[in-house]
């Protein structure tokens, strides 16, 4: 569990957060699977040639990269 989960919280709240984090292992694992599917889907859509004809292709690619980066940040927060 990343320290950011309990940063700035008192000891009692930190312990409750930690306990809840540990208790949610199965749910977090499923969420991880779902988010990895989302990242894979975004990756696949960014690799198709269909988008080359779009005038704002570069912005579309930047959006996909930012989206994947945000999902990966969530993945790092829910991982052990």
N, C-alpha and C. Protein backbone atom coordinates (compact mmCIF):
# COMPACT_ATOMS: atom_id res chain seq x y z
N UNK A 1 0.84 -1.17 0.00
CA UNK A 1 0.00 0.00 0.00
C UNK A 1 0.89 1.24 0.00
N UNK A 2 0.58 2.17 -0.88
CA UNK A 2 1.38 3.39 -0.96
C UNK A 2 1.12 4.28 0.25
N UNK A 3 2.13 4.99 0.65
CA UNK A 3 2.03 5.88 1.80
C UNK A 3 1.04 7.02 1.56
N UNK A 4 0.79 7.35 0.32
CA UNK A 4 -0.13 8.45 0.03
C UNK A 4 -1.54 8.17 0.55
N UNK A 5 -1.88 6.89 0.74
CA UNK A 5 -3.20 6.54 1.28
C UNK A 5 -3.40 7.10 2.68
N UNK A 6 -2.34 7.13 3.48
CA UNK A 6 -2.46 7.54 4.88
C UNK A 6 -1.77 8.86 5.19
N UNK A 7 -1.19 9.48 4.20
CA UNK A 7 -0.48 10.74 4.40
C UNK A 7 -1.41 11.79 5.00
N UNK A 8 -0.99 12.39 6.09
CA UNK A 8 -1.74 13.45 6.73
C UNK A 8 -2.89 12.99 7.62
N UNK A 9 -3.04 11.69 7.79
CA UNK A 9 -4.11 11.14 8.62
C UNK A 9 -3.56 10.74 9.98
N UNK A 10 -4.39 10.82 11.00
CA UNK A 10 -3.92 10.40 12.32
C UNK A 10 -3.79 8.88 12.37
N UNK A 11 -3.22 8.39 13.44
CA UNK A 11 -2.89 6.97 13.55
C UNK A 11 -4.11 6.06 13.46
N UNK A 12 -5.20 6.43 14.09
CA UNK A 12 -6.41 5.60 14.08
C UNK A 12 -7.00 5.50 12.67
N UNK A 13 -7.06 6.63 12.00
CA UNK A 13 -7.60 6.63 10.64
C UNK A 13 -6.66 5.87 9.71
N UNK A 14 -5.36 6.04 9.88
CA UNK A 14 -4.37 5.32 9.06
C UNK A 14 -4.53 3.82 9.22
N UNK A 15 -4.73 3.36 10.45
CA UNK A 15 -4.91 1.93 10.69
C UNK A 15 -6.19 1.44 10.03
N UNK A 16 -7.26 2.20 10.12
CA UNK A 16 -8.53 1.79 9.49
C UNK A 16 -8.40 1.73 7.98
N UNK A 17 -7.71 2.72 7.41
CA UNK A 17 -7.48 2.72 5.96
C UNK A 17 -6.66 1.49 5.57
N UNK A 18 -5.61 1.22 6.32
CA UNK A 18 -4.75 0.07 6.05
C UNK A 18 -5.52 -1.24 6.15
N UNK A 19 -6.32 -1.38 7.19
CA UNK A 19 -7.12 -2.59 7.36
C UNK A 19 -8.11 -2.77 6.21
N UNK A 20 -8.76 -1.69 5.83
CA UNK A 20 -9.71 -1.75 4.72
C UNK A 20 -9.01 -2.08 3.40
N UNK A 21 -7.83 -1.53 3.21
CA UNK A 21 -7.06 -1.81 2.00
C UNK A 21 -6.75 -3.31 1.92
N UNK A 22 -6.29 -3.87 3.03
CA UNK A 22 -5.97 -5.30 3.06
C UNK A 22 -7.21 -6.16 2.85
N UNK A 23 -8.33 -5.75 3.41
CA UNK A 23 -9.57 -6.52 3.30
C UNK A 23 -10.16 -6.49 1.89
N UNK A 24 -9.75 -5.51 1.11
CA UNK A 24 -10.34 -5.37 -0.23
C UNK A 24 -9.45 -5.98 -1.33
N UNK A 25 -8.59 -6.90 -0.97
CA UNK A 25 -7.63 -7.46 -1.93
C UNK A 25 -8.32 -8.06 -3.15
N UNK A 26 -9.38 -8.82 -2.96
CA UNK A 26 -10.07 -9.45 -4.08
C UNK A 26 -10.70 -8.40 -5.00
N UNK A 27 -11.33 -7.41 -4.41
CA UNK A 27 -11.95 -6.34 -5.20
C UNK A 27 -10.90 -5.53 -5.95
N UNK A 28 -9.79 -5.23 -5.28
CA UNK A 28 -8.72 -4.49 -5.95
C UNK A 28 -8.11 -5.29 -7.08
N UNK A 29 -7.98 -6.59 -6.90
CA UNK A 29 -7.43 -7.43 -7.97
C UNK A 29 -8.35 -7.42 -9.19
N UNK A 30 -9.66 -7.49 -8.95
CA UNK A 30 -10.61 -7.44 -10.07
C UNK A 30 -10.57 -6.08 -10.75
N UNK A 31 -10.50 -5.02 -9.96
CA UNK A 31 -10.41 -3.67 -10.53
C UNK A 31 -9.14 -3.53 -11.35
N UNK A 32 -8.05 -4.12 -10.87
CA UNK A 32 -6.79 -4.11 -11.61
C UNK A 32 -6.96 -4.79 -12.97
N UNK A 33 -7.62 -5.93 -13.00
CA UNK A 33 -7.87 -6.63 -14.26
C UNK A 33 -8.68 -5.77 -15.22
N UNK A 34 -9.74 -5.15 -14.69
CA UNK A 34 -10.59 -4.31 -15.53
C UNK A 34 -9.82 -3.12 -16.09
N UNK A 35 -9.03 -2.48 -15.26
CA UNK A 35 -8.26 -1.32 -15.71
C UNK A 35 -7.18 -1.71 -16.72
N UNK A 36 -6.58 -2.88 -16.53
CA UNK A 36 -5.59 -3.35 -17.51
C UNK A 36 -6.24 -3.62 -18.86
N UNK A 37 -7.47 -4.09 -18.85
CA UNK A 37 -8.21 -4.27 -20.11
C UNK A 37 -8.47 -2.92 -20.78
N UNK A 38 -8.79 -1.92 -19.98
CA UNK A 38 -9.03 -0.58 -20.52
C UNK A 38 -7.76 -0.02 -21.15
N UNK A 39 -6.62 -0.21 -20.48
CA UNK A 39 -5.35 0.26 -21.02
C UNK A 39 -5.02 -0.48 -22.32
N UNK A 40 -5.24 -1.78 -22.35
CA UNK A 40 -4.97 -2.56 -23.56
C UNK A 40 -5.86 -2.10 -24.71
N UNK A 41 -7.12 -1.81 -24.41
CA UNK A 41 -8.03 -1.34 -25.44
C UNK A 41 -7.59 0.02 -25.98
N UNK A 42 -7.17 0.91 -25.09
CA UNK A 42 -6.68 2.22 -25.52
C UNK A 42 -5.42 2.06 -26.35
N UNK A 43 -4.56 1.14 -25.94
CA UNK A 43 -3.33 0.88 -26.70
C UNK A 43 -3.66 0.38 -28.11
N UNK A 44 -4.59 -0.55 -28.20
CA UNK A 44 -4.97 -1.08 -29.51
C UNK A 44 -5.59 0.00 -30.39
N UNK A 45 -6.42 0.85 -29.82
CA UNK A 45 -7.05 1.89 -30.63
C UNK A 45 -6.03 2.92 -31.10
N UNK A 46 -4.96 3.12 -30.33
CA UNK A 46 -3.94 4.08 -30.74
C UNK A 46 -3.06 3.54 -31.85
N UNK A 47 -3.08 2.23 -32.06
CA UNK A 47 -2.22 1.62 -33.07
C UNK A 47 -2.90 1.39 -34.42
N UNK A 48 -4.19 1.69 -34.51
CA UNK A 48 -4.88 1.48 -35.78
C UNK A 48 -4.52 2.57 -36.78
N UNK A 49 -4.58 2.25 -38.03
CA UNK A 49 -4.28 3.22 -39.09
C UNK A 49 -5.46 4.11 -39.41
N UNK A 50 -6.64 3.79 -38.88
CA UNK A 50 -7.83 4.56 -39.18
C UNK A 50 -7.71 6.02 -38.78
N UNK A 51 -6.98 6.33 -37.74
CA UNK A 51 -6.89 7.69 -37.24
C UNK A 51 -6.01 8.62 -38.04
N UNK A 52 -5.20 8.08 -38.93
CA UNK A 52 -4.26 8.93 -39.67
C UNK A 52 -4.96 9.99 -40.51
N UNK A 53 -6.17 9.72 -40.95
CA UNK A 53 -6.89 10.69 -41.77
C UNK A 53 -7.52 11.81 -40.97
N UNK A 54 -7.48 11.70 -39.67
CA UNK A 54 -8.09 12.72 -38.81
C UNK A 54 -7.12 13.90 -38.68
N UNK A 55 -7.58 15.12 -38.96
CA UNK A 55 -6.68 16.28 -38.91
C UNK A 55 -6.03 16.50 -37.54
N UNK A 56 -6.71 16.16 -36.49
CA UNK A 56 -6.15 16.38 -35.15
C UNK A 56 -5.60 15.08 -34.56
N UNK A 57 -4.99 14.26 -35.39
CA UNK A 57 -4.47 12.96 -34.98
C UNK A 57 -3.48 13.09 -33.81
N UNK A 58 -2.62 14.10 -33.86
CA UNK A 58 -1.62 14.28 -32.79
C UNK A 58 -2.31 14.53 -31.45
N UNK A 59 -3.38 15.31 -31.46
CA UNK A 59 -4.11 15.56 -30.21
C UNK A 59 -4.80 14.30 -29.72
N UNK A 60 -5.30 13.52 -30.64
CA UNK A 60 -5.93 12.26 -30.29
C UNK A 60 -4.92 11.32 -29.64
N UNK A 61 -3.73 11.25 -30.20
CA UNK A 61 -2.69 10.41 -29.62
C UNK A 61 -2.27 10.91 -28.24
N UNK A 62 -2.15 12.23 -28.10
CA UNK A 62 -1.79 12.80 -26.79
C UNK A 62 -2.86 12.49 -25.76
N UNK A 63 -4.12 12.54 -26.16
CA UNK A 63 -5.21 12.23 -25.25
C UNK A 63 -5.14 10.77 -24.81
N UNK A 64 -4.89 9.87 -25.74
CA UNK A 64 -4.79 8.45 -25.40
C UNK A 64 -3.63 8.20 -24.44
N UNK A 65 -2.51 8.84 -24.68
CA UNK A 65 -1.34 8.67 -23.81
C UNK A 65 -1.65 9.19 -22.40
N UNK A 66 -2.29 10.35 -22.31
CA UNK A 66 -2.66 10.89 -21.00
C UNK A 66 -3.66 10.00 -20.28
N UNK A 67 -4.60 9.45 -21.03
CA UNK A 67 -5.60 8.54 -20.46
C UNK A 67 -4.93 7.30 -19.88
N UNK A 68 -4.01 6.71 -20.65
CA UNK A 68 -3.30 5.52 -20.19
C UNK A 68 -2.44 5.85 -18.97
N UNK A 69 -1.82 7.03 -18.96
CA UNK A 69 -1.00 7.42 -17.83
C UNK A 69 -1.86 7.55 -16.56
N UNK A 70 -3.04 8.11 -16.67
CA UNK A 70 -3.93 8.26 -15.52
C UNK A 70 -4.39 6.90 -15.00
N UNK A 71 -4.75 6.00 -15.91
CA UNK A 71 -5.17 4.65 -15.51
C UNK A 71 -4.02 3.94 -14.80
N UNK A 72 -2.81 4.10 -15.31
CA UNK A 72 -1.66 3.45 -14.69
C UNK A 72 -1.38 4.02 -13.30
N UNK A 73 -1.67 5.31 -13.10
CA UNK A 73 -1.51 5.89 -11.77
C UNK A 73 -2.51 5.27 -10.80
N UNK A 74 -3.74 5.06 -11.24
CA UNK A 74 -4.73 4.39 -10.40
C UNK A 74 -4.29 2.96 -10.10
N UNK A 75 -3.76 2.28 -11.11
CA UNK A 75 -3.26 0.92 -10.90
C UNK A 75 -2.16 0.89 -9.84
N UNK A 76 -1.28 1.88 -9.85
CA UNK A 76 -0.22 1.90 -8.86
C UNK A 76 -0.77 2.18 -7.47
N UNK A 77 -1.86 2.93 -7.37
CA UNK A 77 -2.45 3.22 -6.06
C UNK A 77 -3.17 2.00 -5.47
N UNK A 78 -3.74 1.16 -6.31
CA UNK A 78 -4.48 0.01 -5.78
C UNK A 78 -3.62 -1.23 -5.62
N UNK A 79 -2.38 -1.17 -6.08
CA UNK A 79 -1.47 -2.31 -5.95
C UNK A 79 -0.86 -2.33 -4.56
N UNK A 80 -0.38 -3.50 -4.17
CA UNK A 80 0.24 -3.64 -2.84
C UNK A 80 1.41 -2.74 -2.66
